[in-house]
Amino acid sequence: MTANCWRFAPVRQSSSTTQLEKKGFRAEIYEEDLIATQLLTLSLTEPGAKAQLLAVTQHILSLQFQPESQNILVRAAPTPLVDDDLMRSQYQLVSHSGELLQAFNSEGKLDQAEFSPDGKQLAFIGAADKHDPSAGLLYLADVKNGQIRELLPNYAGHVQSISWAF
């Protein structure tokens, strides 16, 4: 097994944007020049290894490793727009080569996600639907088939943090 370093990085600016900045044009327009982030991998054990871009086409918001695996859980959105971050992001499990293994179809805002110690289940805090003003419901997803169920239906409270007991 090789050691890998994972990082998400912004896409490079276009040459026309760079040329305009050199001429002094620095107008900042809300959400016009957003830069999508990408997922890169780099072997830490191979001398002279170069970073490899993974073929995840969406904007990467966060990542974590699945226990007992080199698979990566990412929270991804279609674009870097704020509305996509808040309303259209989803958790996805990708292989170390960037292949989509599982997409967890949820709707609305997402918050913290934690794998079970064996990596077979994913608990996450999410919203009831796209109209819910905040993430506060507790969900459990089966990593193998992607099925999601709400763990505390009709709970009047708001879940803010989760952790697995070992």
N, C-alpha and C. Protein backbone atom coordinates (compact mmCIF):
# COMPACT_ATOMS: atom_id res chain seq x y z
N MET A 1 0.85 -1.18 0.00
CA MET A 1 0.00 0.00 0.00
C MET A 1 0.90 1.24 0.00
N THR A 2 0.58 2.19 -0.82
CA THR A 2 1.38 3.40 -0.90
C THR A 2 0.72 4.52 -0.11
N ALA A 3 1.54 5.40 0.40
CA ALA A 3 1.02 6.57 1.10
C ALA A 3 0.68 7.64 0.07
N ASN A 4 -0.46 8.24 0.23
CA ASN A 4 -0.88 9.27 -0.70
C ASN A 4 -1.23 10.54 0.04
N CYS A 5 -1.04 11.63 -0.61
CA CYS A 5 -1.41 12.93 -0.08
C CYS A 5 -2.55 13.44 -0.95
N TRP A 6 -3.65 13.87 -0.34
CA TRP A 6 -4.80 14.35 -1.09
C TRP A 6 -4.99 15.82 -0.83
N ARG A 7 -5.38 16.54 -1.85
CA ARG A 7 -5.57 17.98 -1.71
C ARG A 7 -6.60 18.43 -2.73
N PHE A 8 -7.38 19.39 -2.37
CA PHE A 8 -8.21 19.98 -3.40
C PHE A 8 -7.69 21.37 -3.66
N ALA A 9 -7.66 21.75 -4.93
CA ALA A 9 -7.00 22.99 -5.34
C ALA A 9 -7.85 23.72 -6.37
N PRO A 10 -7.75 25.05 -6.40
CA PRO A 10 -8.53 25.81 -7.38
C PRO A 10 -8.01 25.61 -8.80
N VAL A 11 -8.92 25.74 -9.73
CA VAL A 11 -8.56 25.71 -11.15
C VAL A 11 -7.84 27.01 -11.48
N ARG A 12 -6.89 26.98 -12.38
CA ARG A 12 -6.12 28.18 -12.73
C ARG A 12 -6.99 29.25 -13.38
N GLN A 13 -6.57 30.51 -13.19
CA GLN A 13 -7.26 31.64 -13.82
C GLN A 13 -7.01 31.63 -15.33
N SER A 14 -7.96 32.18 -16.08
CA SER A 14 -7.77 32.28 -17.52
C SER A 14 -6.73 33.36 -17.81
N SER A 15 -6.11 33.28 -18.97
CA SER A 15 -5.09 34.26 -19.34
C SER A 15 -5.69 35.65 -19.54
N SER A 16 -6.95 35.73 -20.00
CA SER A 16 -7.56 37.04 -20.19
C SER A 16 -7.78 37.75 -18.85
N THR A 17 -8.15 36.99 -17.81
CA THR A 17 -8.31 37.58 -16.48
C THR A 17 -6.98 38.10 -15.96
N THR A 18 -5.93 37.32 -16.15
CA THR A 18 -4.60 37.73 -15.71
C THR A 18 -4.15 38.99 -16.44
N GLN A 19 -4.41 39.07 -17.74
CA GLN A 19 -4.02 40.25 -18.53
C GLN A 19 -4.77 41.50 -18.06
N LEU A 20 -6.04 41.35 -17.77
CA LEU A 20 -6.83 42.49 -17.28
C LEU A 20 -6.31 42.97 -15.92
N GLU A 21 -5.95 42.03 -15.04
CA GLU A 21 -5.42 42.41 -13.73
C GLU A 21 -4.09 43.17 -13.87
N LYS A 22 -3.27 42.77 -14.83
CA LYS A 22 -1.99 43.47 -15.06
C LYS A 22 -2.23 44.91 -15.52
N LYS A 23 -3.35 45.15 -16.17
CA LYS A 23 -3.70 46.49 -16.64
C LYS A 23 -4.42 47.30 -15.56
N GLY A 24 -4.59 46.73 -14.39
CA GLY A 24 -5.21 47.46 -13.29
C GLY A 24 -6.68 47.20 -13.07
N PHE A 25 -7.30 46.34 -13.86
CA PHE A 25 -8.72 46.04 -13.71
C PHE A 25 -8.90 45.02 -12.59
N ARG A 26 -9.51 45.45 -11.50
CA ARG A 26 -9.69 44.57 -10.36
C ARG A 26 -11.13 44.63 -9.82
N ALA A 27 -12.08 44.79 -10.70
CA ALA A 27 -13.48 44.85 -10.28
C ALA A 27 -13.88 43.51 -9.66
N GLU A 28 -14.59 43.58 -8.57
CA GLU A 28 -15.04 42.38 -7.91
C GLU A 28 -16.56 42.32 -8.02
N ILE A 29 -17.04 41.39 -8.79
CA ILE A 29 -18.47 41.23 -9.01
C ILE A 29 -18.88 39.92 -8.35
N TYR A 30 -19.92 39.99 -7.56
CA TYR A 30 -20.37 38.85 -6.78
C TYR A 30 -20.62 37.62 -7.64
N GLU A 31 -19.92 36.55 -7.32
CA GLU A 31 -20.06 35.24 -7.95
C GLU A 31 -19.76 35.20 -9.44
N GLU A 32 -19.05 36.19 -9.97
CA GLU A 32 -18.73 36.14 -11.40
C GLU A 32 -17.43 35.40 -11.67
N ASP A 33 -16.45 35.57 -10.83
CA ASP A 33 -15.14 34.97 -11.07
C ASP A 33 -14.82 33.86 -10.08
N LEU A 34 -15.80 33.05 -9.74
CA LEU A 34 -15.56 31.96 -8.81
C LEU A 34 -14.69 30.90 -9.46
N ILE A 35 -13.87 30.28 -8.65
CA ILE A 35 -12.94 29.27 -9.14
C ILE A 35 -13.32 27.92 -8.52
N ALA A 36 -13.54 26.92 -9.34
CA ALA A 36 -13.88 25.58 -8.85
C ALA A 36 -12.62 24.92 -8.29
N THR A 37 -12.81 24.12 -7.26
CA THR A 37 -11.70 23.36 -6.70
C THR A 37 -11.71 21.95 -7.27
N GLN A 38 -10.54 21.36 -7.38
CA GLN A 38 -10.38 20.03 -7.93
C GLN A 38 -9.65 19.16 -6.92
N LEU A 39 -9.66 17.87 -7.16
CA LEU A 39 -9.03 16.91 -6.26
C LEU A 39 -7.77 16.36 -6.91
N LEU A 40 -6.66 16.45 -6.18
CA LEU A 40 -5.37 15.95 -6.67
C LEU A 40 -4.84 14.90 -5.72
N THR A 41 -4.02 13.99 -6.24
CA THR A 41 -3.36 12.98 -5.41
C THR A 41 -1.87 13.00 -5.70
N LEU A 42 -1.08 12.68 -4.69
CA LEU A 42 0.37 12.66 -4.83
C LEU A 42 0.93 11.55 -3.96
N SER A 43 1.70 10.66 -4.53
CA SER A 43 2.34 9.59 -3.77
C SER A 43 3.48 10.18 -2.95
N LEU A 44 3.50 9.88 -1.67
CA LEU A 44 4.57 10.37 -0.79
C LEU A 44 5.73 9.40 -0.69
N THR A 45 5.59 8.22 -1.30
CA THR A 45 6.64 7.21 -1.22
C THR A 45 7.45 7.07 -2.50
N GLU A 46 6.93 7.59 -3.61
CA GLU A 46 7.64 7.50 -4.89
C GLU A 46 8.49 8.74 -5.10
N PRO A 47 9.82 8.60 -5.22
CA PRO A 47 10.67 9.76 -5.47
C PRO A 47 10.31 10.42 -6.81
N GLY A 48 10.19 11.73 -6.81
CA GLY A 48 9.90 12.47 -8.02
C GLY A 48 8.47 12.36 -8.51
N ALA A 49 7.57 11.82 -7.69
CA ALA A 49 6.17 11.66 -8.11
C ALA A 49 5.54 13.03 -8.33
N LYS A 50 4.64 13.08 -9.29
CA LYS A 50 3.93 14.32 -9.60
C LYS A 50 2.46 14.18 -9.21
N ALA A 51 1.86 15.29 -8.85
CA ALA A 51 0.45 15.30 -8.49
C ALA A 51 -0.40 14.90 -9.69
N GLN A 52 -1.41 14.08 -9.44
CA GLN A 52 -2.33 13.64 -10.48
C GLN A 52 -3.72 14.20 -10.20
N LEU A 53 -4.31 14.80 -11.20
CA LEU A 53 -5.65 15.35 -11.09
C LEU A 53 -6.66 14.22 -11.22
N LEU A 54 -7.58 14.12 -10.25
CA LEU A 54 -8.62 13.10 -10.33
C LEU A 54 -9.80 13.63 -11.14
N ALA A 55 -10.47 12.75 -11.81
CA ALA A 55 -11.55 13.13 -12.73
C ALA A 55 -12.88 13.34 -12.00
N VAL A 56 -12.87 14.14 -10.96
CA VAL A 56 -14.11 14.53 -10.28
C VAL A 56 -14.47 15.88 -10.87
N THR A 57 -15.58 15.94 -11.60
CA THR A 57 -15.90 17.14 -12.38
C THR A 57 -16.61 18.23 -11.61
N GLN A 58 -17.01 17.96 -10.38
CA GLN A 58 -17.74 18.96 -9.61
C GLN A 58 -16.80 19.75 -8.70
N HIS A 59 -17.33 20.83 -8.13
CA HIS A 59 -16.61 21.68 -7.19
C HIS A 59 -16.50 20.95 -5.85
N ILE A 60 -15.28 20.71 -5.39
CA ILE A 60 -15.05 19.96 -4.15
C ILE A 60 -15.08 20.92 -2.96
N LEU A 61 -15.92 20.60 -1.96
CA LEU A 61 -16.07 21.45 -0.79
C LEU A 61 -15.35 20.88 0.43
N SER A 62 -15.28 19.56 0.55
CA SER A 62 -14.58 18.93 1.67
C SER A 62 -14.24 17.49 1.29
N LEU A 63 -13.36 16.87 2.06
CA LEU A 63 -13.01 15.48 1.82
C LEU A 63 -12.57 14.81 3.11
N GLN A 64 -12.74 13.49 3.15
CA GLN A 64 -12.22 12.67 4.23
C GLN A 64 -12.10 11.23 3.73
N PHE A 65 -11.19 10.46 4.33
CA PHE A 65 -10.99 9.08 3.92
C PHE A 65 -12.01 8.16 4.57
N GLN A 66 -12.39 7.13 3.82
CA GLN A 66 -13.24 6.07 4.36
C GLN A 66 -12.34 5.14 5.16
N PRO A 67 -12.72 4.75 6.38
CA PRO A 67 -11.89 3.84 7.17
C PRO A 67 -11.65 2.52 6.44
N GLU A 68 -10.50 1.94 6.66
CA GLU A 68 -10.13 0.65 6.08
C GLU A 68 -10.11 0.67 4.55
N SER A 69 -9.85 1.84 3.97
CA SER A 69 -9.94 1.98 2.51
C SER A 69 -9.13 3.19 2.06
N GLN A 70 -8.87 3.26 0.76
CA GLN A 70 -8.29 4.47 0.19
C GLN A 70 -9.35 5.30 -0.51
N ASN A 71 -10.62 4.94 -0.33
CA ASN A 71 -11.71 5.70 -0.92
C ASN A 71 -11.87 7.02 -0.17
N ILE A 72 -12.44 8.00 -0.86
CA ILE A 72 -12.56 9.34 -0.30
C ILE A 72 -14.02 9.78 -0.34
N LEU A 73 -14.48 10.31 0.77
CA LEU A 73 -15.80 10.92 0.81
C LEU A 73 -15.61 12.40 0.52
N VAL A 74 -16.27 12.90 -0.51
CA VAL A 74 -16.21 14.32 -0.83
C VAL A 74 -17.61 14.90 -0.72
N ARG A 75 -17.67 16.15 -0.34
CA ARG A 75 -18.92 16.90 -0.49
C ARG A 75 -18.69 17.77 -1.71
N ALA A 76 -19.50 17.56 -2.72
CA ALA A 76 -19.29 18.22 -4.01
C ALA A 76 -20.56 18.95 -4.43
N ALA A 77 -20.37 20.05 -5.14
CA ALA A 77 -21.48 20.83 -5.69
C ALA A 77 -21.25 21.00 -7.19
N PRO A 78 -22.33 21.20 -7.95
CA PRO A 78 -22.16 21.34 -9.41
C PRO A 78 -21.26 22.51 -9.80
N THR A 79 -21.33 23.61 -9.07
CA THR A 79 -20.51 24.80 -9.36
C THR A 79 -20.06 25.41 -8.04
N PRO A 80 -19.16 26.40 -8.08
CA PRO A 80 -18.75 27.09 -6.85
C PRO A 80 -19.75 28.15 -6.38
N LEU A 81 -20.89 28.29 -7.03
CA LEU A 81 -21.88 29.28 -6.60
C LEU A 81 -22.38 28.97 -5.19
N VAL A 82 -22.65 30.02 -4.43
CA VAL A 82 -23.09 29.86 -3.05
C VAL A 82 -24.35 29.02 -2.95
N ASP A 83 -25.32 29.25 -3.82
CA ASP A 83 -26.56 28.48 -3.79
C ASP A 83 -26.30 26.99 -4.03
N ASP A 84 -25.38 26.66 -4.92
CA ASP A 84 -25.04 25.25 -5.15
C ASP A 84 -24.38 24.65 -3.93
N ASP A 85 -23.50 25.40 -3.27
CA ASP A 85 -22.86 24.94 -2.04
C ASP A 85 -23.93 24.63 -0.99
N LEU A 86 -24.85 25.55 -0.79
CA LEU A 86 -25.86 25.39 0.26
C LEU A 86 -26.96 24.40 -0.10
N MET A 87 -27.42 24.41 -1.33
CA MET A 87 -28.65 23.68 -1.67
C MET A 87 -28.45 22.44 -2.54
N ARG A 88 -27.38 22.38 -3.30
CA ARG A 88 -27.26 21.30 -4.27
C ARG A 88 -26.02 20.42 -4.07
N SER A 89 -25.33 20.61 -2.97
CA SER A 89 -24.17 19.75 -2.74
C SER A 89 -24.63 18.37 -2.28
N GLN A 90 -23.78 17.39 -2.46
CA GLN A 90 -24.09 16.04 -2.00
C GLN A 90 -22.79 15.34 -1.63
N TYR A 91 -22.93 14.36 -0.73
CA TYR A 91 -21.78 13.53 -0.40
C TYR A 91 -21.63 12.46 -1.47
N GLN A 92 -20.38 12.23 -1.86
CA GLN A 92 -20.06 11.21 -2.86
C GLN A 92 -18.84 10.43 -2.39
N LEU A 93 -18.84 9.15 -2.63
CA LEU A 93 -17.69 8.31 -2.33
C LEU A 93 -16.97 8.05 -3.64
N VAL A 94 -15.68 8.42 -3.70
CA VAL A 94 -14.89 8.21 -4.91
C VAL A 94 -13.68 7.35 -4.59
N SER A 95 -13.23 6.60 -5.58
CA SER A 95 -12.04 5.76 -5.40
C SER A 95 -10.79 6.64 -5.43
N HIS A 96 -9.65 6.04 -5.11
CA HIS A 96 -8.38 6.79 -5.13
C HIS A 96 -8.01 7.23 -6.54
N SER A 97 -8.67 6.67 -7.56
CA SER A 97 -8.41 7.09 -8.94
C SER A 97 -9.45 8.11 -9.42
N GLY A 98 -10.45 8.44 -8.58
CA GLY A 98 -11.45 9.44 -8.93
C GLY A 98 -12.76 8.87 -9.46
N GLU A 99 -12.89 7.55 -9.53
CA GLU A 99 -14.13 6.93 -10.00
C GLU A 99 -15.23 7.08 -8.95
N LEU A 100 -16.41 7.50 -9.39
CA LEU A 100 -17.55 7.64 -8.49
C LEU A 100 -18.03 6.25 -8.09
N LEU A 101 -18.00 5.95 -6.79
CA LEU A 101 -18.44 4.66 -6.29
C LEU A 101 -19.87 4.71 -5.77
N GLN A 102 -20.22 5.83 -5.14
CA GLN A 102 -21.56 5.99 -4.56
C GLN A 102 -21.89 7.46 -4.40
N ALA A 103 -23.09 7.83 -4.76
CA ALA A 103 -23.59 9.19 -4.52
C ALA A 103 -24.73 9.08 -3.52
N PHE A 104 -24.68 9.87 -2.48
CA PHE A 104 -25.72 9.86 -1.45
C PHE A 104 -26.70 10.98 -1.77
N ASN A 105 -27.85 10.62 -2.29
CA ASN A 105 -28.83 11.59 -2.78
C ASN A 105 -29.61 12.19 -1.62
N SER A 106 -29.23 13.38 -1.25
CA SER A 106 -29.92 14.13 -0.22
C SER A 106 -30.36 15.45 -0.84
N GLU A 107 -31.22 16.15 -0.13
CA GLU A 107 -31.72 17.41 -0.66
C GLU A 107 -31.54 18.50 0.39
N GLY A 108 -31.10 19.66 -0.02
CA GLY A 108 -30.94 20.78 0.90
C GLY A 108 -29.57 20.84 1.54
N LYS A 109 -29.48 21.60 2.60
CA LYS A 109 -28.21 21.87 3.26
C LYS A 109 -27.62 20.61 3.90
N LEU A 110 -26.29 20.53 3.87
CA LEU A 110 -25.56 19.43 4.49
C LEU A 110 -24.58 19.98 5.50
N ASP A 111 -24.35 19.20 6.53
CA ASP A 111 -23.38 19.57 7.57
C ASP A 111 -22.43 18.39 7.75
N GLN A 112 -22.04 18.12 8.95
CA GLN A 112 -21.04 17.12 9.29
C GLN A 112 -21.43 15.72 8.80
N ALA A 113 -20.43 14.94 8.40
CA ALA A 113 -20.60 13.53 8.02
C ALA A 113 -19.50 12.72 8.69
N GLU A 114 -19.85 11.54 9.18
CA GLU A 114 -18.89 10.67 9.85
C GLU A 114 -19.13 9.22 9.44
N PHE A 115 -18.06 8.52 9.06
CA PHE A 115 -18.14 7.10 8.77
C PHE A 115 -18.23 6.31 10.06
N SER A 116 -18.91 5.15 10.00
CA SER A 116 -18.85 4.20 11.10
C SER A 116 -17.41 3.69 11.18
N PRO A 117 -16.98 3.15 12.31
CA PRO A 117 -15.59 2.69 12.43
C PRO A 117 -15.18 1.68 11.35
N ASP A 118 -16.12 0.86 10.87
CA ASP A 118 -15.80 -0.12 9.83
C ASP A 118 -15.96 0.46 8.41
N GLY A 119 -16.46 1.69 8.31
CA GLY A 119 -16.59 2.35 7.02
C GLY A 119 -17.78 1.90 6.19
N LYS A 120 -18.69 1.09 6.77
CA LYS A 120 -19.81 0.56 6.01
C LYS A 120 -21.05 1.45 6.04
N GLN A 121 -21.08 2.39 6.99
CA GLN A 121 -22.21 3.30 7.11
C GLN A 121 -21.70 4.73 7.22
N LEU A 122 -22.55 5.66 6.82
CA LEU A 122 -22.21 7.07 6.90
C LEU A 122 -23.34 7.80 7.60
N ALA A 123 -23.03 8.42 8.72
CA ALA A 123 -24.01 9.26 9.41
C ALA A 123 -23.73 10.69 8.99
N PHE A 124 -24.79 11.45 8.74
CA PHE A 124 -24.59 12.85 8.39
C PHE A 124 -25.76 13.70 8.85
N ILE A 125 -25.48 14.98 9.01
CA ILE A 125 -26.50 15.95 9.39
C ILE A 125 -26.94 16.65 8.11
N GLY A 126 -28.24 16.66 7.89
CA GLY A 126 -28.76 17.27 6.68
C GLY A 126 -30.09 17.97 6.94
N ALA A 127 -30.68 18.47 5.89
CA ALA A 127 -31.94 19.18 5.98
C ALA A 127 -33.10 18.27 5.55
N ALA A 128 -34.32 18.68 5.89
CA ALA A 128 -35.51 17.92 5.50
C ALA A 128 -35.72 17.99 3.99
N ASP A 129 -35.52 19.17 3.42
CA ASP A 129 -35.67 19.37 1.98
C ASP A 129 -34.98 20.68 1.60
N LYS A 130 -35.11 21.08 0.35
CA LYS A 130 -34.40 22.28 -0.11
C LYS A 130 -34.95 23.56 0.50
N HIS A 131 -36.11 23.51 1.12
CA HIS A 131 -36.71 24.69 1.74
C HIS A 131 -36.36 24.81 3.23
N ASP A 132 -35.77 23.77 3.80
CA ASP A 132 -35.39 23.78 5.22
C ASP A 132 -34.27 24.81 5.41
N PRO A 133 -34.42 25.76 6.36
CA PRO A 133 -33.42 26.82 6.50
C PRO A 133 -32.08 26.37 7.07
N SER A 134 -32.02 25.18 7.69
CA SER A 134 -30.73 24.73 8.22
C SER A 134 -30.67 23.21 8.29
N ALA A 135 -29.45 22.71 8.29
CA ALA A 135 -29.24 21.28 8.46
C ALA A 135 -29.33 20.97 9.95
N GLY A 136 -30.14 20.00 10.31
CA GLY A 136 -30.29 19.66 11.72
C GLY A 136 -30.91 18.30 11.95
N LEU A 137 -31.13 17.53 10.86
CA LEU A 137 -31.69 16.19 10.98
C LEU A 137 -30.57 15.17 10.83
N LEU A 138 -30.71 14.05 11.54
CA LEU A 138 -29.68 13.01 11.52
C LEU A 138 -30.08 11.90 10.55
N TYR A 139 -29.18 11.61 9.61
CA TYR A 139 -29.42 10.58 8.61
C TYR A 139 -28.34 9.51 8.70
N LEU A 140 -28.71 8.29 8.26
CA LEU A 140 -27.75 7.19 8.17
C LEU A 140 -27.84 6.62 6.76
N ALA A 141 -26.69 6.50 6.10
CA ALA A 141 -26.64 5.98 4.74
C ALA A 141 -25.83 4.69 4.71
N ASP A 142 -26.30 3.74 3.94
CA ASP A 142 -25.56 2.51 3.69
C ASP A 142 -24.57 2.81 2.57
N VAL A 143 -23.29 2.63 2.83
CA VAL A 143 -22.25 2.99 1.86
C VAL A 143 -22.34 2.12 0.61
N LYS A 144 -22.72 0.87 0.77
CA LYS A 144 -22.76 -0.06 -0.37
C LYS A 144 -23.87 0.27 -1.36
N ASN A 145 -25.10 0.52 -0.86
CA ASN A 145 -26.22 0.73 -1.79
C ASN A 145 -26.72 2.17 -1.83
N GLY A 146 -26.21 3.05 -0.97
CA GLY A 146 -26.57 4.46 -0.99
C GLY A 146 -27.90 4.81 -0.36
N GLN A 147 -28.61 3.82 0.17
CA GLN A 147 -29.90 4.09 0.79
C GLN A 147 -29.74 4.92 2.06
N ILE A 148 -30.61 5.92 2.19
CA ILE A 148 -30.56 6.85 3.31
C ILE A 148 -31.84 6.75 4.12
N ARG A 149 -31.71 6.80 5.45
CA ARG A 149 -32.90 6.86 6.29
C ARG A 149 -32.66 7.86 7.41
N GLU A 150 -33.74 8.52 7.81
CA GLU A 150 -33.67 9.48 8.91
C GLU A 150 -33.68 8.70 10.21
N LEU A 151 -32.74 9.00 11.11
CA LEU A 151 -32.63 8.24 12.35
C LEU A 151 -33.56 8.72 13.47
N LEU A 152 -33.89 9.99 13.49
CA LEU A 152 -34.72 10.54 14.56
C LEU A 152 -35.96 11.22 14.00
N PRO A 153 -36.87 10.47 13.36
CA PRO A 153 -38.05 11.12 12.80
C PRO A 153 -38.89 11.75 13.92
N ASN A 154 -39.46 12.90 13.63
CA ASN A 154 -40.31 13.64 14.57
C ASN A 154 -39.56 14.18 15.80
N TYR A 155 -38.24 14.16 15.76
CA TYR A 155 -37.45 14.73 16.85
C TYR A 155 -37.59 16.25 16.79
N ALA A 156 -37.97 16.86 17.91
CA ALA A 156 -38.23 18.31 17.92
C ALA A 156 -36.95 19.13 18.04
N GLY A 157 -35.83 18.49 18.28
CA GLY A 157 -34.57 19.21 18.45
C GLY A 157 -33.83 19.41 17.14
N HIS A 158 -32.60 19.87 17.28
CA HIS A 158 -31.74 20.19 16.13
C HIS A 158 -30.38 19.54 16.38
N VAL A 159 -29.99 18.56 15.57
CA VAL A 159 -28.71 17.88 15.73
C VAL A 159 -27.60 18.80 15.25
N GLN A 160 -26.58 19.01 16.11
CA GLN A 160 -25.49 19.92 15.75
C GLN A 160 -24.16 19.23 15.55
N SER A 161 -23.97 18.04 16.14
CA SER A 161 -22.70 17.35 16.03
C SER A 161 -22.94 15.85 16.21
N ILE A 162 -22.13 15.06 15.54
CA ILE A 162 -22.26 13.60 15.65
C ILE A 162 -20.88 12.97 15.81
N SER A 163 -20.88 11.78 16.44
CA SER A 163 -19.67 11.00 16.59
C SER A 163 -20.08 9.55 16.82
N TRP A 164 -19.31 8.63 16.32
CA TRP A 164 -19.57 7.20 16.54
C TRP A 164 -18.93 6.76 17.84
N ALA A 165 -19.63 5.95 18.63
CA ALA A 165 -19.08 5.35 19.84
C ALA A 165 -18.36 4.06 19.43
N PHE A 166 -17.16 3.87 19.89
CA PHE A 166 -16.39 2.68 19.50
C PHE A 166 -16.61 1.57 20.49
